[in-house]
Amino acid sequence: RGGRRENMTKFTHDLLADAVRHGLLSTAYGLRNGVHYGVKIRAPHALVMTLLFKSNQPVRKNFESILKMTFVHARNLGGFVLIYKGLLALGRMAHAVSGTPLLTPPGTPAAAWHALLAGWVGGMMIWAKHSSVNEQIVMYLFSRILVGLVKLLAKKGVKPFSAWTFATAYPYFAAAVWAVVMWLFEHHPKVLQPSLEQSMMYLYHDTNAWSRECSELAPSVASVAVAGLILWVQRGKWSSLFDLR
């Protein structure tokens, strides 16, 4: 009996040591990837938005703005991954100490509710402060999880979601989204996210007036370059470029 207890103690110790080691390395790796992904995603986006809507401002100011938005995005994403994976690692360590079998792969939640708790804590610590960067990311995720939850309800057979496939419902969904956003823009534009309002102003209201020479109607150099390149690449198959189905 004593030997069996020693074996169990050694097994628990080894399990805990593996959980600690993997948790530390996995969390550090997650922090690194979070920072890298934040820079990769935000820098090009910030550059394009600055060139489109702030080209008349001083170059130094625009450069500082791009750097700041990129840093904030990278910092917040890296910080969230650090907190989330760190809490998951603590959950796995708690299971190892208690002797509860770990039935999930390393780096993943030991129990399903661990993901909810770690996401909530990370969300409150990182994303709860309102800023333009945080709002964009949270709204992006919100739209994705709504679609994901609808798909989950359909998968579980919940009516009326199970009566439709996403491919079947998508045309109506797309039309409804565009109908609502255009109504909001035309009648209540200030309730929209500022960058969305700016984009829509550029597309729909800035095009309501032009100079006597109509020089604004000339296509941009970038547009001509893209059109020329795609026509060259798709030569012989031009009809496919105008197929909206």
C-alpha atoms as a PDB file:
ATOM      1  CA  ARG A   1       0.000   0.000   0.000  1.00  0.00           C
ATOM      2  CA  GLY A   2       2.890   2.363   0.855  1.00  0.00           C
ATOM      3  CA  GLY A   3       4.525   1.695  -2.519  1.00  0.00           C
ATOM      4  CA  ARG A   4       1.279   2.413  -4.319  1.00  0.00           C
ATOM      5  CA  ARG A   5       0.958   5.745  -2.472  1.00  0.00           C
ATOM      6  CA  GLU A   6       4.521   6.665  -3.414  1.00  0.00           C
ATOM      7  CA  ASN A   7       3.819   5.841  -7.052  1.00  0.00           C
ATOM      8  CA  MET A   8       0.683   7.989  -7.008  1.00  0.00           C
ATOM      9  CA  THR A   9       2.619  10.864  -5.406  1.00  0.00           C
ATOM     10  CA  LYS A  10       5.373  10.574  -8.011  1.00  0.00           C
ATOM     11  CA  PHE A  11       2.765  10.464 -10.806  1.00  0.00           C
ATOM     12  CA  THR A  12       1.070  13.613  -9.446  1.00  0.00           C
ATOM     13  CA  HIS A  13       4.448  15.365  -9.078  1.00  0.00           C
ATOM     14  CA  ASP A  14       5.442  14.489 -12.657  1.00  0.00           C
ATOM     15  CA  LEU A  15       2.045  15.586 -13.963  1.00  0.00           C
ATOM     16  CA  LEU A  16       2.324  18.902 -12.122  1.00  0.00           C
ATOM     17  CA  ALA A  17       5.899  19.467 -13.331  1.00  0.00           C
ATOM     18  CA  ASP A  18       4.833  18.860 -16.935  1.00  0.00           C
ATOM     19  CA  ALA A  19       1.849  21.199 -16.517  1.00  0.00           C
ATOM     20  CA  VAL A  20       4.056  23.963 -15.064  1.00  0.00           C
ATOM     21  CA  ARG A  21       6.746  23.620 -17.714  1.00  0.00           C
ATOM     22  CA  HIS A  22       4.332  23.472 -20.622  1.00  0.00           C
ATOM     23  CA  GLY A  23       2.199  26.262 -19.152  1.00  0.00           C
ATOM     24  CA  LEU A  24       5.143  28.653 -18.846  1.00  0.00           C
ATOM     25  CA  LEU A  25       6.493  27.966 -22.335  1.00  0.00           C
ATOM     26  CA  SER A  26       3.064  27.960 -23.969  1.00  0.00           C
ATOM     27  CA  THR A  27       2.117  31.258 -22.292  1.00  0.00           C
ATOM     28  CA  ALA A  28       5.378  32.924 -23.335  1.00  0.00           C
ATOM     29  CA  TYR A  29       4.904  31.667 -26.896  1.00  0.00           C
ATOM     30  CA  GLY A  30       1.333  32.988 -26.874  1.00  0.00           C
ATOM     31  CA  LEU A  31       2.522  36.428 -25.757  1.00  0.00           C
ATOM     32  CA  ARG A  32       5.053  36.500 -28.575  1.00  0.00           C
ATOM     33  CA  ASN A  33       2.482  35.484 -31.205  1.00  0.00           C
ATOM     34  CA  GLY A  34      -0.085  37.935 -29.844  1.00  0.00           C
ATOM     35  CA  VAL A  35       2.311  40.873 -30.189  1.00  0.00           C
ATOM     36  CA  HIS A  36       3.449  39.725 -33.648  1.00  0.00           C
ATOM     37  CA  TYR A  37      -0.108  39.262 -34.935  1.00  0.00           C
ATOM     38  CA  GLY A  38      -1.194  42.628 -33.530  1.00  0.00           C
ATOM     39  CA  VAL A  39       1.598  44.403 -35.394  1.00  0.00           C
ATOM     40  CA  LYS A  40       0.962  42.438 -38.610  1.00  0.00           C
ATOM     41  CA  ILE A  41      -2.774  43.223 -38.603  1.00  0.00           C
ATOM     42  CA  ARG A  42      -2.853  46.809 -37.311  1.00  0.00           C
ATOM     43  CA  ALA A  43       0.132  48.424 -39.058  1.00  0.00           C
ATOM     44  CA  PRO A  44      -1.150  47.971 -42.643  1.00  0.00           C
ATOM     45  CA  HIS A  45      -4.713  48.886 -41.610  1.00  0.00           C
ATOM     46  CA  ALA A  46      -3.601  52.039 -39.815  1.00  0.00           C
ATOM     47  CA  LEU A  47      -1.388  53.020 -42.750  1.00  0.00           C
ATOM     48  CA  VAL A  48      -4.195  52.640 -45.304  1.00  0.00           C
ATOM     49  CA  MET A  49      -6.761  54.496 -43.172  1.00  0.00           C
ATOM     50  CA  THR A  50      -4.280  57.312 -42.567  1.00  0.00           C
ATOM     51  CA  LEU A  51      -3.490  57.660 -46.270  1.00  0.00           C
ATOM     52  CA  LEU A  52      -7.199  57.693 -47.129  1.00  0.00           C
ATOM     53  CA  PHE A  53      -8.548  60.059 -44.492  1.00  0.00           C
ATOM     54  CA  LYS A  54      -5.628  61.959 -42.937  1.00  0.00           C
ATOM     55  CA  SER A  55      -3.291  62.624 -45.853  1.00  0.00           C
ATOM     56  CA  ASN A  56      -3.653  66.390 -45.313  1.00  0.00           C
ATOM     57  CA  GLN A  57      -2.183  66.203 -41.802  1.00  0.00           C
ATOM     58  CA  PRO A  58       1.542  66.531 -40.988  1.00  0.00           C
ATOM     59  CA  VAL A  59       3.580  63.437 -41.811  1.00  0.00           C
ATOM     60  CA  ARG A  60       5.090  63.266 -38.325  1.00  0.00           C
ATOM     61  CA  LYS A  61       1.651  63.325 -36.694  1.00  0.00           C
ATOM     62  CA  ASN A  62       0.376  60.586 -38.986  1.00  0.00           C
ATOM     63  CA  PHE A  63       3.482  58.473 -38.374  1.00  0.00           C
ATOM     64  CA  GLU A  64       3.071  58.788 -34.598  1.00  0.00           C
ATOM     65  CA  SER A  65      -0.616  57.890 -34.892  1.00  0.00           C
ATOM     66  CA  ILE A  66       0.167  54.737 -36.893  1.00  0.00           C
ATOM     67  CA  LEU A  67       2.830  53.708 -34.391  1.00  0.00           C
ATOM     68  CA  LYS A  68       0.542  54.305 -31.410  1.00  0.00           C
ATOM     69  CA  MET A  69      -2.401  52.344 -32.833  1.00  0.00           C
ATOM     70  CA  THR A  70      -0.091  49.491 -33.834  1.00  0.00           C
ATOM     71  CA  PHE A  71       1.530  49.404 -30.402  1.00  0.00           C
ATOM     72  CA  VAL A  72      -1.812  49.459 -28.565  1.00  0.00           C
ATOM     73  CA  HIS A  73      -3.218  46.656 -30.716  1.00  0.00           C
ATOM     74  CA  ALA A  74      -0.093  44.516 -30.265  1.00  0.00           C
ATOM     75  CA  ARG A  75       0.135  45.249 -26.531  1.00  0.00           C
ATOM     76  CA  ASN A  76      -3.513  44.433 -25.868  1.00  0.00           C
ATOM     77  CA  LEU A  77      -3.594  41.278 -27.978  1.00  0.00           C
ATOM     78  CA  GLY A  78      -0.328  40.015 -26.504  1.00  0.00           C
ATOM     79  CA  GLY A  79      -1.510  40.861 -22.988  1.00  0.00           C
ATOM     80  CA  PHE A  80      -4.805  39.071 -23.457  1.00  0.00           C
ATOM     81  CA  VAL A  81      -3.131  35.919 -24.784  1.00  0.00           C
ATOM     82  CA  LEU A  82      -0.737  36.041 -21.808  1.00  0.00           C
ATOM     83  CA  ILE A  83      -3.584  36.282 -19.292  1.00  0.00           C
ATOM     84  CA  TYR A  84      -5.814  33.742 -21.021  1.00  0.00           C
ATOM     85  CA  LYS A  85      -3.164  31.072 -21.494  1.00  0.00           C
ATOM     86  CA  GLY A  86      -1.725  31.767 -18.058  1.00  0.00           C
ATOM     87  CA  LEU A  87      -5.112  31.144 -16.427  1.00  0.00           C
ATOM     88  CA  LEU A  88      -5.627  27.984 -18.464  1.00  0.00           C
ATOM     89  CA  ALA A  89      -2.217  26.784 -17.300  1.00  0.00           C
ATOM     90  CA  LEU A  90      -3.180  27.467 -13.665  1.00  0.00           C
ATOM     91  CA  GLY A  91      -6.362  25.467 -14.190  1.00  0.00           C
ATOM     92  CA  ARG A  92      -4.368  22.517 -15.503  1.00  0.00           C
ATOM     93  CA  MET A  93      -1.969  22.781 -12.561  1.00  0.00           C
ATOM     94  CA  ALA A  94      -4.926  22.729 -10.155  1.00  0.00           C
ATOM     95  CA  HIS A  95      -6.200  19.551 -11.805  1.00  0.00           C
ATOM     96  CA  ALA A  96      -2.764  17.970 -11.555  1.00  0.00           C
ATOM     97  CA  VAL A  97      -2.442  18.840  -7.841  1.00  0.00           C
ATOM     98  CA  SER A  98      -5.912  17.487  -7.063  1.00  0.00           C
ATOM     99  CA  GLY A  99      -5.177  14.288  -8.927  1.00  0.00           C
ATOM    100  CA  THR A 100      -7.987  14.917 -11.411  1.00  0.00           C
ATOM    101  CA  PRO A 101      -7.177  13.303 -14.772  1.00  0.00           C
ATOM    102  CA  LEU A 102      -6.275  15.742 -17.536  1.00  0.00           C
ATOM    103  CA  LEU A 103      -8.301  14.584 -20.520  1.00  0.00           C
ATOM    104  CA  THR A 104      -7.572  17.514 -22.844  1.00  0.00           C
ATOM    105  CA  PRO A 105      -4.367  18.294 -24.800  1.00  0.00           C
ATOM    106  CA  PRO A 106      -1.709  20.521 -23.181  1.00  0.00           C
ATOM    107  CA  GLY A 107      -2.362  24.241 -23.578  1.00  0.00           C
ATOM    108  CA  THR A 108      -6.151  23.809 -23.774  1.00  0.00           C
ATOM    109  CA  PRO A 109      -8.791  24.220 -21.015  1.00  0.00           C
ATOM    110  CA  ALA A 110      -8.835  21.380 -18.504  1.00  0.00           C
ATOM    111  CA  ALA A 111     -12.598  21.995 -18.210  1.00  0.00           C
ATOM    112  CA  ALA A 112     -14.942  23.801 -20.598  1.00  0.00           C
ATOM    113  CA  TRP A 113     -15.793  26.568 -18.108  1.00  0.00           C
ATOM    114  CA  HIS A 114     -12.102  27.471 -17.756  1.00  0.00           C
ATOM    115  CA  ALA A 115     -12.223  29.083 -21.222  1.00  0.00           C
ATOM    116  CA  LEU A 116     -15.232  31.214 -20.228  1.00  0.00           C
ATOM    117  CA  LEU A 117     -13.618  32.332 -16.967  1.00  0.00           C
ATOM    118  CA  ALA A 118     -10.216  33.057 -18.506  1.00  0.00           C
ATOM    119  CA  GLY A 119     -11.845  34.933 -21.388  1.00  0.00           C
ATOM    120  CA  TRP A 120     -13.928  37.018 -18.963  1.00  0.00           C
ATOM    121  CA  VAL A 121     -10.953  37.905 -16.771  1.00  0.00           C
ATOM    122  CA  GLY A 122      -8.776  38.747 -19.772  1.00  0.00           C
ATOM    123  CA  GLY A 123     -11.600  40.735 -21.340  1.00  0.00           C
ATOM    124  CA  MET A 124     -12.111  42.820 -18.206  1.00  0.00           C
ATOM    125  CA  MET A 125      -8.391  43.437 -17.735  1.00  0.00           C
ATOM    126  CA  ILE A 126      -7.483  44.196 -21.356  1.00  0.00           C
ATOM    127  CA  TRP A 127     -10.482  45.072 -23.508  1.00  0.00           C
ATOM    128  CA  ALA A 128     -12.870  46.748 -21.039  1.00  0.00           C
ATOM    129  CA  LYS A 129     -11.277  50.201 -21.439  1.00  0.00           C
ATOM    130  CA  HIS A 130     -13.080  51.938 -24.289  1.00  0.00           C
ATOM    131  CA  SER A 131     -10.849  53.076 -27.142  1.00  0.00           C
ATOM    132  CA  SER A 132     -11.108  53.077 -30.929  1.00  0.00           C
ATOM    133  CA  VAL A 133      -8.761  50.095 -31.217  1.00  0.00           C
ATOM    134  CA  ASN A 134     -10.550  48.064 -28.545  1.00  0.00           C
ATOM    135  CA  GLU A 135     -13.984  48.889 -29.942  1.00  0.00           C
ATOM    136  CA  GLN A 136     -13.022  47.749 -33.443  1.00  0.00           C
ATOM    137  CA  ILE A 137     -11.710  44.439 -32.166  1.00  0.00           C
ATOM    138  CA  VAL A 138     -14.685  43.783 -29.856  1.00  0.00           C
ATOM    139  CA  MET A 139     -17.193  44.638 -32.604  1.00  0.00           C
ATOM    140  CA  TYR A 140     -15.326  42.364 -35.014  1.00  0.00           C
ATOM    141  CA  LEU A 141     -15.546  39.499 -32.521  1.00  0.00           C
ATOM    142  CA  PHE A 142     -19.187  40.264 -31.695  1.00  0.00           C
ATOM    143  CA  SER A 143     -20.272  39.811 -35.319  1.00  0.00           C
ATOM    144  CA  ARG A 144     -18.306  36.558 -35.548  1.00  0.00           C
ATOM    145  CA  ILE A 145     -19.723  35.041 -32.367  1.00  0.00           C
ATOM    146  CA  LEU A 146     -23.299  35.917 -33.351  1.00  0.00           C
ATOM    147  CA  VAL A 147     -22.892  33.942 -36.576  1.00  0.00           C
ATOM    148  CA  GLY A 148     -21.106  31.181 -34.675  1.00  0.00           C
ATOM    149  CA  LEU A 149     -23.896  30.916 -32.071  1.00  0.00           C
ATOM    150  CA  VAL A 150     -26.557  30.744 -34.790  1.00  0.00           C
ATOM    151  CA  LYS A 151     -24.616  27.921 -36.471  1.00  0.00           C
ATOM    152  CA  LEU A 152     -24.335  26.158 -33.103  1.00  0.00           C
ATOM    153  CA  LEU A 153     -28.100  26.413 -32.535  1.00  0.00           C
ATOM    154  CA  ALA A 154     -28.708  25.015 -36.027  1.00  0.00           C
ATOM    155  CA  LYS A 155     -26.270  22.166 -35.352  1.00  0.00           C
ATOM    156  CA  LYS A 156     -28.138  21.295 -32.151  1.00  0.00           C
ATOM    157  CA  GLY A 157     -31.461  21.199 -33.997  1.00  0.00           C
ATOM    158  CA  VAL A 158     -32.990  24.336 -32.482  1.00  0.00           C
ATOM    159  CA  LYS A 159     -35.852  25.722 -34.582  1.00  0.00           C
ATOM    160  CA  PRO A 160     -35.995  27.839 -36.743  1.00  0.00           C
ATOM    161  CA  PHE A 161     -32.183  27.859 -37.131  1.00  0.00           C
ATOM    162  CA  SER A 162     -31.987  24.171 -37.980  1.00  0.00           C
ATOM    163  CA  ALA A 163     -34.370  24.666 -40.908  1.00  0.00           C
ATOM    164  CA  TRP A 164     -31.822  26.802 -42.757  1.00  0.00           C
ATOM    165  CA  THR A 165     -28.254  26.270 -43.816  1.00  0.00           C
ATOM    166  CA  PHE A 166     -25.913  29.247 -43.644  1.00  0.00           C
ATOM    167  CA  ALA A 167     -25.513  29.176 -47.431  1.00  0.00           C
ATOM    168  CA  THR A 168     -29.286  29.377 -47.866  1.00  0.00           C
ATOM    169  CA  ALA A 169     -29.772  32.174 -45.331  1.00  0.00           C
ATOM    170  CA  TYR A 170     -26.710  34.188 -46.308  1.00  0.00           C
ATOM    171  CA  PRO A 171     -28.224  36.173 -49.242  1.00  0.00           C
ATOM    172  CA  TYR A 172     -31.031  37.460 -47.004  1.00  0.00           C
ATOM    173  CA  PHE A 173     -28.607  38.117 -44.173  1.00  0.00           C
ATOM    174  CA  ALA A 174     -26.286  40.108 -46.458  1.00  0.00           C
ATOM    175  CA  ALA A 175     -29.151  42.148 -47.903  1.00  0.00           C
ATOM    176  CA  ALA A 176     -30.542  42.908 -44.435  1.00  0.00           C
ATOM    177  CA  VAL A 177     -27.146  44.031 -43.127  1.00  0.00           C
ATOM    178  CA  TRP A 178     -26.650  46.433 -46.030  1.00  0.00           C
ATOM    179  CA  ALA A 179     -30.218  47.717 -45.804  1.00  0.00           C
ATOM    180  CA  VAL A 180     -29.867  48.528 -42.095  1.00  0.00           C
ATOM    181  CA  VAL A 181     -26.400  50.080 -42.321  1.00  0.00           C
ATOM    182  CA  MET A 182     -27.464  52.343 -45.205  1.00  0.00           C
ATOM    183  CA  TRP A 183     -30.571  53.475 -43.308  1.00  0.00           C
ATOM    184  CA  LEU A 184     -28.499  54.232 -40.220  1.00  0.00           C
ATOM    185  CA  PHE A 185     -25.898  56.093 -42.257  1.00  0.00           C
ATOM    186  CA  GLU A 186     -28.439  58.278 -44.032  1.00  0.00           C
ATOM    187  CA  HIS A 187     -30.579  59.069 -40.986  1.00  0.00           C
ATOM    188  CA  HIS A 188     -28.495  58.420 -37.840  1.00  0.00           C
ATOM    189  CA  PRO A 189     -24.812  58.471 -38.939  1.00  0.00           C
ATOM    190  CA  LYS A 190     -23.405  59.381 -35.519  1.00  0.00           C
ATOM    191  CA  VAL A 191     -24.479  56.066 -34.020  1.00  0.00           C
ATOM    192  CA  LEU A 192     -22.059  54.264 -36.362  1.00  0.00           C
ATOM    193  CA  GLN A 193     -18.441  53.564 -35.505  1.00  0.00           C
ATOM    194  CA  PRO A 194     -16.406  56.664 -36.551  1.00  0.00           C
ATOM    195  CA  SER A 195     -14.159  54.909 -39.068  1.00  0.00           C
ATOM    196  CA  LEU A 196     -17.210  53.284 -40.688  1.00  0.00           C
ATOM    197  CA  GLU A 197     -18.938  56.654 -40.883  1.00  0.00           C
ATOM    198  CA  GLN A 198     -15.814  58.182 -42.471  1.00  0.00           C
ATOM    199  CA  SER A 199     -15.643  55.415 -45.060  1.00  0.00           C
ATOM    200  CA  MET A 200     -19.296  55.801 -45.948  1.00  0.00           C
ATOM    201  CA  MET A 201     -19.019  59.577 -46.142  1.00  0.00           C
ATOM    202  CA  TYR A 202     -16.177  59.146 -48.651  1.00  0.00           C
ATOM    203  CA  LEU A 203     -18.240  56.742 -50.747  1.00  0.00           C
ATOM    204  CA  TYR A 204     -21.738  58.225 -50.661  1.00  0.00           C
ATOM    205  CA  HIS A 205     -21.724  61.894 -49.607  1.00  0.00           C
ATOM    206  CA  ASP A 206     -18.361  63.226 -50.789  1.00  0.00           C
ATOM    207  CA  THR A 207     -19.446  62.143 -54.278  1.00  0.00           C
ATOM    208  CA  ASN A 208     -22.435  64.511 -54.267  1.00  0.00           C
ATOM    209  CA  ALA A 209     -20.372  67.538 -55.384  1.00  0.00           C
ATOM    210  CA  TRP A 210     -17.486  68.077 -57.818  1.00  0.00           C
ATOM    211  CA  SER A 211     -15.560  70.808 -59.599  1.00  0.00           C
ATOM    212  CA  ARG A 212     -16.603  72.367 -62.894  1.00  0.00           C
ATOM    213  CA  GLU A 213     -13.876  70.410 -64.696  1.00  0.00           C
ATOM    214  CA  CYS A 214     -15.145  67.118 -63.242  1.00  0.00           C
ATOM    215  CA  SER A 215     -11.518  66.163 -62.592  1.00  0.00           C
ATOM    216  CA  GLU A 216     -12.613  64.144 -59.557  1.00  0.00           C
ATOM    217  CA  LEU A 217     -14.254  61.621 -61.863  1.00  0.00           C
ATOM    218  CA  ALA A 218     -10.909  60.499 -63.263  1.00  0.00           C
ATOM    219  CA  PRO A 219      -9.891  57.087 -61.842  1.00  0.00           C
ATOM    220  CA  SER A 220      -6.991  57.031 -59.409  1.00  0.00           C
ATOM    221  CA  VAL A 221      -3.586  55.728 -60.448  1.00  0.00           C
ATOM    222  CA  ALA A 222      -3.972  52.802 -58.052  1.00  0.00           C
ATOM    223  CA  SER A 223      -7.365  51.865 -59.547  1.00  0.00           C
ATOM    224  CA  VAL A 224      -6.010  51.955 -63.091  1.00  0.00           C
ATOM    225  CA  ALA A 225      -2.996  49.860 -62.073  1.00  0.00           C
ATOM    226  CA  VAL A 226      -5.161  47.210 -60.403  1.00  0.00           C
ATOM    227  CA  ALA A 227      -7.611  47.100 -63.329  1.00  0.00           C
ATOM    228  CA  GLY A 228      -4.795  46.800 -65.862  1.00  0.00           C
ATOM    229  CA  LEU A 229      -3.061  44.041 -63.932  1.00  0.00           C
ATOM    230  CA  ILE A 230      -6.199  41.969 -63.367  1.00  0.00           C
ATOM    231  CA  LEU A 231      -7.202  42.282 -67.031  1.00  0.00           C
ATOM    232  CA  TRP A 232      -3.752  41.076 -68.007  1.00  0.00           C
ATOM    233  CA  VAL A 233      -3.756  38.196 -65.522  1.00  0.00           C
ATOM    234  CA  GLN A 234      -7.294  37.137 -66.503  1.00  0.00           C
ATOM    235  CA  ARG A 235      -6.843  37.655 -70.250  1.00  0.00           C
ATOM    236  CA  GLY A 236      -9.224  35.434 -72.161  1.00  0.00           C
ATOM    237  CA  LYS A 237     -11.463  35.050 -69.069  1.00  0.00           C
ATOM    238  CA  TRP A 238     -12.724  38.607 -68.627  1.00  0.00           C
ATOM    239  CA  SER A 239     -16.372  37.578 -68.290  1.00  0.00           C
ATOM    240  CA  SER A 240     -15.561  35.908 -64.969  1.00  0.00           C
ATOM    241  CA  LEU A 241     -14.517  39.276 -63.513  1.00  0.00           C
ATOM    242  CA  PHE A 242     -18.111  40.523 -63.761  1.00  0.00           C
ATOM    243  CA  ASP A 243     -19.843  37.397 -62.485  1.00  0.00           C
ATOM    244  CA  LEU A 244     -21.582  38.393 -59.215  1.00  0.00           C
ATOM    245  CA  ARG A 245     -23.154  35.014 -58.568  1.00  0.00           C
END
